[in-house]
Amino acid sequence: MIESRLNATPTARAKRAQGTVDDKEIAPLILLSSQIKKPLPKTRFTRFLVRLNQPQTSGFEEWVFREGMTFGAPDTWWAEKGPRARPHEGLDICFFSDMEGRVLRLLPGTKIPVMYDGTLVALLDDFLGKTLIVEHGIRDEDGRVLCSMYAHLTPDETMQPGRVLQQGDIIAGLAPAPSKAAILPHLHLSLGWASRAIEYDALDWRTLGEEEKLALVDPLPALGCVPGGSAQVELSPDGLPPQGS
């Protein structure tokens, strides 16, 4: 099943790229432990994304994460992998392995589906594109409502606050990274429980995740992913993995 596992198995390790790659340029892909206090409903997000983006995602086997990509990570995963200003607020989705054991990456323009039924409540600027916040009709025992956040995207003009969405609807495409940026195009995915008094228009990336407004949680369990395992992705001399086909 597409969403049954996160960790790459020995048969799903990256093959050597063309050219000579120094061992120190090969970054391990490690899944950090997932800790979550409140249960999250499972989503068919991965299944929708794979289906919507054929043939790029043909042969998809599982998501692969570099250290620094997962929820709560203290460091970045790009360039020199320096410390983050605060622990990572979500999950960076960029790499996946295919059935031939290759590790590939999502391309700019990759269609991004919404995780659950809901309503688009806000669009924010971020350093690669736009962030879309969707409120879902799912509440916890404290009456807080579940929200999903999708960052570094390029939505079309029809995607405005108030838009009603069904699970699997395309909300945007993956935004390109600036040509001289040391970061790859990727989806930043966050999930959180929003208080009744939240004002979405007042949210930004400096206040996102303040406990009294929006209590962030690890998205991995909702994706059906489990902790464990590691793999390696071969980096070319410019520090980039191969693109998806």
Protein backbone atom coordinates (compact mmCIF):
# COMPACT_ATOMS: atom_id res chain seq x y z
CA MET A 1 0.00 0.00 0.00
CA ILE A 2 1.23 3.47 -0.84
CA GLU A 3 0.83 4.90 2.66
CA SER A 4 1.74 1.83 4.71
CA ARG A 5 5.32 2.76 5.54
CA LEU A 6 7.66 5.75 5.64
CA ASN A 7 11.11 4.24 6.01
CA ALA A 8 12.97 3.13 2.91
CA THR A 9 13.82 -0.57 2.88
CA PRO A 10 17.17 -2.00 1.75
CA THR A 11 15.58 -2.63 -1.66
CA ALA A 12 14.53 1.02 -1.86
CA ARG A 13 17.93 2.64 -1.46
CA ALA A 14 19.16 5.22 -3.92
CA LYS A 15 21.29 4.02 -6.80
CA ARG A 16 24.56 5.77 -7.51
CA ALA A 17 24.18 8.80 -9.71
CA GLN A 18 26.41 9.31 -12.70
CA GLY A 19 29.76 10.85 -11.85
CA THR A 20 31.90 10.68 -8.75
CA VAL A 21 30.26 11.57 -5.44
CA ASP A 22 32.26 11.94 -2.26
CA ASP A 23 30.91 9.97 0.71
CA LYS A 24 30.61 13.16 2.77
CA GLU A 25 28.24 14.52 0.11
CA ILE A 26 25.82 11.64 0.69
CA ALA A 27 23.32 12.74 3.31
CA PRO A 28 21.52 10.07 5.35
CA LEU A 29 17.73 10.15 5.28
CA ILE A 30 16.52 9.48 8.80
CA LEU A 31 13.02 9.38 10.22
CA LEU A 32 12.80 10.96 13.64
CA SER A 33 10.49 9.49 16.29
CA SER A 34 6.87 10.65 16.07
CA GLN A 35 5.17 11.78 19.27
CA ILE A 36 1.55 12.90 19.22
CA LYS A 37 -0.93 13.55 22.02
CA LYS A 38 -4.22 13.59 20.07
CA PRO A 39 -5.37 11.07 17.46
CA LEU A 40 -5.56 12.28 13.89
CA PRO A 41 -7.83 10.83 11.22
CA LYS A 42 -6.01 9.03 8.44
CA THR A 43 -5.91 10.78 5.08
CA ARG A 44 -5.56 9.56 1.50
CA PHE A 45 -3.32 12.57 0.74
CA THR A 46 -0.44 10.46 -0.61
CA ARG A 47 -2.72 8.34 -2.76
CA PHE A 48 -4.31 11.46 -4.28
CA LEU A 49 -0.94 13.17 -4.88
CA VAL A 50 0.50 10.12 -6.63
CA ARG A 51 -2.59 9.71 -8.79
CA LEU A 52 -2.71 13.39 -9.77
CA ASN A 53 0.94 13.62 -10.78
CA GLN A 54 1.47 10.73 -13.16
CA PRO A 55 3.85 10.00 -14.82
CA GLN A 56 6.18 11.96 -12.50
CA THR A 57 5.19 9.77 -9.55
CA SER A 58 4.94 6.52 -11.50
CA GLY A 59 6.24 3.61 -9.45
CA PHE A 60 5.94 5.54 -6.18
CA GLU A 61 6.82 3.37 -3.19
CA GLU A 62 7.22 5.65 -0.16
CA TRP A 63 8.22 9.08 1.11
CA VAL A 64 11.84 9.58 2.07
CA PHE A 65 13.01 12.24 4.53
CA ARG A 66 16.41 13.75 5.19
CA GLU A 67 17.30 14.60 8.75
CA GLY A 68 15.84 18.04 9.38
CA MET A 69 12.66 17.51 7.35
CA THR A 70 10.44 16.09 10.07
CA PHE A 71 8.28 17.68 12.75
CA GLY A 72 10.24 19.26 15.60
CA ALA A 73 13.61 19.03 13.84
CA PRO A 74 16.08 21.55 15.33
CA ASP A 75 18.15 22.01 12.15
CA THR A 76 17.50 22.69 8.48
CA TRP A 77 18.07 20.01 5.82
CA TRP A 78 19.45 22.20 3.03
CA ALA A 79 22.80 23.90 2.40
CA GLU A 80 24.92 23.82 5.58
CA LYS A 81 22.04 22.41 7.65
CA GLY A 82 22.28 25.13 10.30
CA PRO A 83 19.99 25.50 13.32
CA ARG A 84 16.42 26.62 12.82
CA ALA A 85 15.08 29.69 14.63
CA ARG A 86 12.65 27.28 16.35
CA PRO A 87 11.80 23.59 15.98
CA HIS A 88 10.31 22.68 12.62
CA GLU A 89 6.57 23.37 12.56
CA GLY A 90 5.70 20.54 10.20
CA LEU A 91 6.91 18.09 7.59
CA ASP A 92 8.87 18.91 4.42
CA ILE A 93 7.84 16.63 1.57
CA CYS A 94 10.27 16.50 -1.32
CA PHE A 95 11.82 13.04 -1.86
CA PHE A 96 10.26 9.69 -2.64
CA SER A 97 11.56 6.26 -3.58
CA ASP A 98 10.22 4.26 -6.48
CA MET A 99 9.91 0.53 -7.10
CA GLU A 100 13.33 0.46 -8.79
CA GLY A 101 15.02 1.69 -5.63
CA ARG A 102 15.72 5.21 -6.89
CA VAL A 103 15.22 8.30 -4.73
CA LEU A 104 13.58 11.07 -6.76
CA ARG A 105 12.15 14.48 -5.93
CA LEU A 106 8.97 16.40 -6.62
CA LEU A 107 9.17 19.01 -9.36
CA PRO A 108 7.85 22.58 -9.47
CA GLY A 109 4.22 22.51 -10.50
CA THR A 110 3.49 19.22 -8.71
CA LYS A 111 -0.25 19.22 -7.97
CA ILE A 112 -0.99 19.34 -4.23
CA PRO A 113 -4.30 17.91 -2.91
CA VAL A 114 -6.09 18.92 0.28
CA MET A 115 -5.95 16.32 3.08
CA TYR A 116 -9.59 16.40 4.27
CA ASP A 117 -12.90 18.06 3.43
CA GLY A 118 -12.84 21.67 4.60
CA THR A 119 -12.86 25.38 3.86
CA LEU A 120 -9.93 27.56 2.82
CA VAL A 121 -9.64 30.22 5.52
CA ALA A 122 -6.40 32.09 4.78
CA LEU A 123 -3.51 32.61 2.38
CA LEU A 124 -0.15 33.77 3.74
CA ASP A 125 3.09 34.79 2.07
CA ASP A 126 6.11 32.60 2.70
CA PHE A 127 9.71 32.68 1.47
CA LEU A 128 9.06 30.42 -1.55
CA GLY A 129 5.44 31.16 -2.42
CA LYS A 130 2.10 31.06 -0.63
CA THR A 131 0.77 29.18 2.39
CA LEU A 132 -2.83 27.95 2.31
CA ILE A 133 -4.68 27.24 5.58
CA VAL A 134 -7.70 24.96 5.46
CA GLU A 135 -10.12 24.44 8.37
CA HIS A 136 -11.74 21.02 8.66
CA GLY A 137 -14.91 19.97 10.44
CA ILE A 138 -12.97 17.81 12.90
CA ARG A 139 -12.80 18.77 16.58
CA ASP A 140 -10.86 17.43 19.57
CA GLU A 141 -12.18 16.89 23.09
CA ASP A 142 -11.41 20.53 23.93
CA GLY A 143 -13.52 21.85 21.06
CA ARG A 144 -10.56 22.92 18.96
CA VAL A 145 -10.84 22.47 15.19
CA LEU A 146 -8.29 20.73 12.98
CA CYS A 147 -6.47 22.86 10.41
CA SER A 148 -4.01 21.87 7.71
CA MET A 149 -1.37 24.22 6.29
CA TYR A 150 0.36 23.84 2.93
CA ALA A 151 3.37 26.09 2.31
CA HIS A 152 5.65 26.98 -0.62
CA LEU A 153 2.92 26.73 -3.23
CA THR A 154 1.53 28.65 -6.20
CA PRO A 155 -2.30 28.66 -6.02
CA ASP A 156 -4.44 29.83 -8.90
CA GLU A 157 -6.66 32.91 -8.71
CA THR A 158 -9.78 30.89 -7.87
CA MET A 159 -8.31 29.69 -4.59
CA GLN A 160 -9.57 32.36 -2.17
CA PRO A 161 -10.74 32.28 1.47
CA GLY A 162 -14.22 30.80 1.73
CA ARG A 163 -13.60 28.18 -0.97
CA VAL A 164 -15.20 24.86 0.04
CA LEU A 165 -12.97 21.87 -0.64
CA GLN A 166 -13.36 18.12 -0.78
CA GLN A 167 -10.63 15.67 0.18
CA GLY A 168 -8.29 15.26 -2.80
CA ASP A 169 -9.13 18.57 -4.50
CA ILE A 170 -6.10 20.28 -6.04
CA ILE A 171 -5.36 23.47 -4.11
CA ALA A 172 -2.10 24.62 -5.75
CA GLY A 173 1.10 23.63 -7.52
CA LEU A 174 4.54 23.33 -5.95
CA ALA A 175 6.32 26.70 -6.21
CA PRO A 176 9.76 26.82 -7.85
CA ALA A 177 12.78 27.75 -5.76
CA PRO A 178 14.81 30.83 -6.79
CA SER A 179 17.60 29.88 -9.19
CA LYS A 180 20.36 30.75 -6.73
CA ALA A 181 18.61 29.35 -3.65
CA ALA A 182 20.26 26.50 -1.74
CA ILE A 183 16.89 24.84 -1.18
CA LEU A 184 14.80 22.55 -3.35
CA PRO A 185 11.11 23.02 -4.18
CA HIS A 186 9.12 21.16 -1.54
CA LEU A 187 5.80 21.09 0.26
CA HIS A 188 5.81 22.15 3.90
CA LEU A 189 2.84 20.42 5.54
CA SER A 190 1.60 21.37 9.02
CA LEU A 191 -1.37 20.21 11.09
CA GLY A 192 -2.74 21.89 14.18
CA TRP A 193 -5.71 22.24 16.53
CA ALA A 194 -7.05 25.81 16.37
CA SER A 195 -8.72 27.48 19.33
CA ARG A 196 -12.27 28.83 19.00
CA ALA A 197 -10.98 32.39 19.21
CA ILE A 198 -8.38 32.08 16.45
CA GLU A 199 -8.18 34.91 13.90
CA TYR A 200 -6.75 33.43 10.74
CA ASP A 201 -6.12 36.82 9.16
CA ALA A 202 -3.75 37.64 12.01
CA LEU A 203 -1.64 34.50 11.60
CA ASP A 204 1.82 34.60 10.08
CA TRP A 205 4.90 32.39 10.25
CA ARG A 206 6.17 34.24 13.32
CA THR A 207 3.06 33.42 15.36
CA LEU A 208 2.09 30.11 13.78
CA GLY A 209 2.23 27.39 16.41
CA GLU A 210 1.67 29.53 19.49
CA GLU A 211 -0.10 27.03 21.74
CA GLU A 212 -3.00 29.30 22.71
CA LYS A 213 -3.82 29.91 19.03
CA LEU A 214 -2.82 26.81 17.11
CA ALA A 215 -1.38 23.71 18.77
CA LEU A 216 0.75 22.04 16.10
CA VAL A 217 1.00 18.25 15.84
CA ASP A 218 3.11 15.80 13.83
CA PRO A 219 1.49 15.10 10.42
CA LEU A 220 3.16 11.68 10.01
CA PRO A 221 0.46 9.58 11.72
CA ALA A 222 -2.24 11.15 9.53
CA LEU A 223 -0.26 10.11 6.45
CA GLY A 224 -0.16 6.55 7.72
CA CYS A 225 3.62 6.66 8.12
CA VAL A 226 5.53 4.86 10.86
CA PRO A 227 8.94 5.55 12.41
CA GLY A 228 12.02 3.56 11.53
CA GLY A 229 14.70 2.92 8.98
CA SER A 230 17.05 5.07 6.99
CA ALA A 231 18.28 5.39 3.45
CA GLN A 232 20.76 7.44 1.47
CA VAL A 233 20.26 9.72 -1.48
CA GLU A 234 23.13 10.28 -3.86
CA LEU A 235 23.90 13.97 -4.33
CA SER A 236 25.41 15.36 -7.49
CA PRO A 237 28.38 17.76 -7.26
CA ASP A 238 25.94 20.69 -7.00
CA GLY A 239 24.33 19.06 -3.97
CA LEU A 240 21.06 18.12 -5.70
CA PRO A 241 19.43 14.71 -6.02
CA PRO A 242 17.99 13.58 -9.37
CA GLN A 243 14.63 14.96 -10.47
CA GLY A 244 11.55 12.86 -10.88
CA SER A 245 11.08 11.54 -14.36
